[in-house]
């Protein structure tokens, strides 16, 4: 029975070491999963920024701007004419 005892003791020590190693691995996996969640959120934010950065700016047609300017100019001229005293 004495030869069995050292084997059992060695087996218990190995089991304890295995449990410790498995717990370390479990904690490392949990830590990495949390980091991945954080990084995934950061990537999502960066993707949003990239989409905003690559959005084409509003383009204006120079012809339309010119037409609006001329339209405003006509209205100003009409208002100024209406303000002038009429002479008979």
C-alpha atoms as a PDB file:
ATOM      1  CA  UNK A   1       0.000   0.000   0.000  1.00  0.00           C
ATOM      2  CA  UNK A   2       2.891   2.291   0.459  1.00  0.00           C
ATOM      3  CA  UNK A   3       3.708   2.223  -3.267  1.00  0.00           C
ATOM      4  CA  UNK A   4       0.169   3.310  -4.057  1.00  0.00           C
ATOM      5  CA  UNK A   5       0.273   6.314  -1.776  1.00  0.00           C
ATOM      6  CA  UNK A   6       3.042   8.185  -3.622  1.00  0.00           C
ATOM      7  CA  UNK A   7       1.270   7.552  -6.914  1.00  0.00           C
ATOM      8  CA  UNK A   8      -1.980   8.921  -5.528  1.00  0.00           C
ATOM      9  CA  UNK A   9      -0.166  11.907  -4.100  1.00  0.00           C
ATOM     10  CA  UNK A  10       1.529  12.598  -7.443  1.00  0.00           C
ATOM     11  CA  UNK A  11      -1.816  12.222  -9.180  1.00  0.00           C
ATOM     12  CA  UNK A  12      -3.406  14.745  -6.784  1.00  0.00           C
ATOM     13  CA  UNK A  13      -0.562  17.216  -7.364  1.00  0.00           C
ATOM     14  CA  UNK A  14      -0.894  16.836 -11.131  1.00  0.00           C
ATOM     15  CA  UNK A  15      -4.658  17.261 -10.872  1.00  0.00           C
ATOM     16  CA  UNK A  16      -4.267  20.440  -8.827  1.00  0.00           C
ATOM     17  CA  UNK A  17      -1.768  21.804 -11.368  1.00  0.00           C
ATOM     18  CA  UNK A  18      -4.094  20.891 -14.215  1.00  0.00           C
ATOM     19  CA  UNK A  19      -7.020  22.639 -12.499  1.00  0.00           C
ATOM     20  CA  UNK A  20      -4.887  25.764 -11.959  1.00  0.00           C
ATOM     21  CA  UNK A  21      -3.765  25.749 -15.587  1.00  0.00           C
ATOM     22  CA  UNK A  22      -7.335  25.304 -16.821  1.00  0.00           C
ATOM     23  CA  UNK A  23      -8.523  28.171 -14.603  1.00  0.00           C
ATOM     24  CA  UNK A  24      -5.794  30.415 -16.007  1.00  0.00           C
ATOM     25  CA  UNK A  25      -6.857  29.451 -19.515  1.00  0.00           C
ATOM     26  CA  UNK A  26     -10.497  30.161 -18.668  1.00  0.00           C
ATOM     27  CA  UNK A  27      -9.641  33.616 -17.297  1.00  0.00           C
ATOM     28  CA  UNK A  28      -7.473  34.378 -20.330  1.00  0.00           C
ATOM     29  CA  UNK A  29     -10.311  33.410 -22.679  1.00  0.00           C
ATOM     30  CA  UNK A  30     -12.767  35.583 -20.746  1.00  0.00           C
ATOM     31  CA  UNK A  31     -10.336  38.493 -20.835  1.00  0.00           C
ATOM     32  CA  UNK A  32      -9.775  38.102 -24.575  1.00  0.00           C
ATOM     33  CA  UNK A  33     -13.521  37.916 -25.210  1.00  0.00           C
ATOM     34  CA  UNK A  34     -14.007  41.215 -23.347  1.00  0.00           C
ATOM     35  CA  UNK A  35     -11.191  42.819 -25.325  1.00  0.00           C
ATOM     36  CA  UNK A  36     -12.732  41.560 -28.570  1.00  0.00           C
ATOM     37  CA  UNK A  37     -16.096  43.070 -27.608  1.00  0.00           C
ATOM     38  CA  UNK A  38     -14.436  46.424 -26.918  1.00  0.00           C
ATOM     39  CA  UNK A  39     -12.433  46.282 -30.139  1.00  0.00           C
ATOM     40  CA  UNK A  40     -15.538  45.317 -32.124  1.00  0.00           C
ATOM     41  CA  UNK A  41     -17.306  48.404 -30.773  1.00  0.00           C
ATOM     42  CA  UNK A  42     -14.306  50.572 -31.699  1.00  0.00           C
ATOM     43  CA  UNK A  43     -14.230  49.098 -35.203  1.00  0.00           C
ATOM     44  CA  UNK A  44     -17.932  49.854 -35.584  1.00  0.00           C
ATOM     45  CA  UNK A  45     -17.331  53.485 -34.590  1.00  0.00           C
ATOM     46  CA  UNK A  46     -14.372  53.742 -36.971  1.00  0.00           C
ATOM     47  CA  UNK A  47     -16.476  52.272 -39.793  1.00  0.00           C
ATOM     48  CA  UNK A  48     -19.071  54.955 -39.119  1.00  0.00           C
ATOM     49  CA  UNK A  49     -16.388  57.643 -39.313  1.00  0.00           C
ATOM     50  CA  UNK A  50     -15.093  56.195 -42.571  1.00  0.00           C
ATOM     51  CA  UNK A  51     -18.590  56.282 -44.028  1.00  0.00           C
ATOM     52  CA  UNK A  52     -18.984  59.900 -42.973  1.00  0.00           C
ATOM     53  CA  UNK A  53     -15.573  60.819 -44.330  1.00  0.00           C
ATOM     54  CA  UNK A  54     -16.320  59.227 -47.694  1.00  0.00           C
ATOM     55  CA  UNK A  55     -19.722  60.794 -48.011  1.00  0.00           C
ATOM     56  CA  UNK A  56     -19.695  63.083 -50.977  1.00  0.00           C
ATOM     57  CA  UNK A  57     -20.140  66.717 -50.040  1.00  0.00           C
ATOM     58  CA  UNK A  58     -23.189  68.489 -51.293  1.00  0.00           C
ATOM     59  CA  UNK A  59     -22.568  69.737 -54.765  1.00  0.00           C
ATOM     60  CA  UNK A  60     -24.158  72.880 -56.036  1.00  0.00           C
ATOM     61  CA  UNK A  61     -24.782  73.576 -59.653  1.00  0.00           C
ATOM     62  CA  UNK A  62     -23.245  76.941 -60.602  1.00  0.00           C
ATOM     63  CA  UNK A  63     -26.073  77.553 -63.077  1.00  0.00           C
ATOM     64  CA  UNK A  64     -28.683  77.249 -60.346  1.00  0.00           C
ATOM     65  CA  UNK A  65     -26.780  79.636 -58.092  1.00  0.00           C
ATOM     66  CA  UNK A  66     -26.529  82.138 -60.940  1.00  0.00           C
ATOM     67  CA  UNK A  67     -30.275  81.820 -61.616  1.00  0.00           C
ATOM     68  CA  UNK A  68     -31.117  82.353 -57.940  1.00  0.00           C
ATOM     69  CA  UNK A  69     -28.869  85.410 -57.823  1.00  0.00           C
ATOM     70  CA  UNK A  70     -30.550  86.896 -60.907  1.00  0.00           C
ATOM     71  CA  UNK A  71     -33.987  86.126 -59.482  1.00  0.00           C
ATOM     72  CA  UNK A  72     -33.110  87.938 -56.240  1.00  0.00           C
ATOM     73  CA  UNK A  73     -31.679  90.843 -58.237  1.00  0.00           C
ATOM     74  CA  UNK A  74     -34.967  91.192 -60.178  1.00  0.00           C
ATOM     75  CA  UNK A  75     -36.988  91.217 -56.956  1.00  0.00           C
ATOM     76  CA  UNK A  76     -34.734  93.881 -55.453  1.00  0.00           C
ATOM     77  CA  UNK A  77     -35.159  95.994 -58.587  1.00  0.00           C
ATOM     78  CA  UNK A  78     -38.964  95.626 -58.421  1.00  0.00           C
ATOM     79  CA  UNK A  79     -39.026  96.578 -54.742  1.00  0.00           C
ATOM     80  CA  UNK A  80     -36.812  99.590 -55.355  1.00  0.00           C
ATOM     81  CA  UNK A  81     -39.030 100.693 -58.258  1.00  0.00           C
ATOM     82  CA  UNK A  82     -42.110 100.331 -56.086  1.00  0.00           C
ATOM     83  CA  UNK A  83     -40.447 102.490 -53.424  1.00  0.00           C
ATOM     84  CA  UNK A  84     -39.721 105.344 -55.822  1.00  0.00           C
ATOM     85  CA  UNK A  85     -42.279 108.116 -55.856  1.00  0.00           C
ATOM     86  CA  UNK A  86     -44.301 108.048 -59.010  1.00  0.00           C
ATOM     87  CA  UNK A  87     -44.260 111.269 -61.022  1.00  0.00           C
ATOM     88  CA  UNK A  88     -47.143 112.165 -63.318  1.00  0.00           C
END
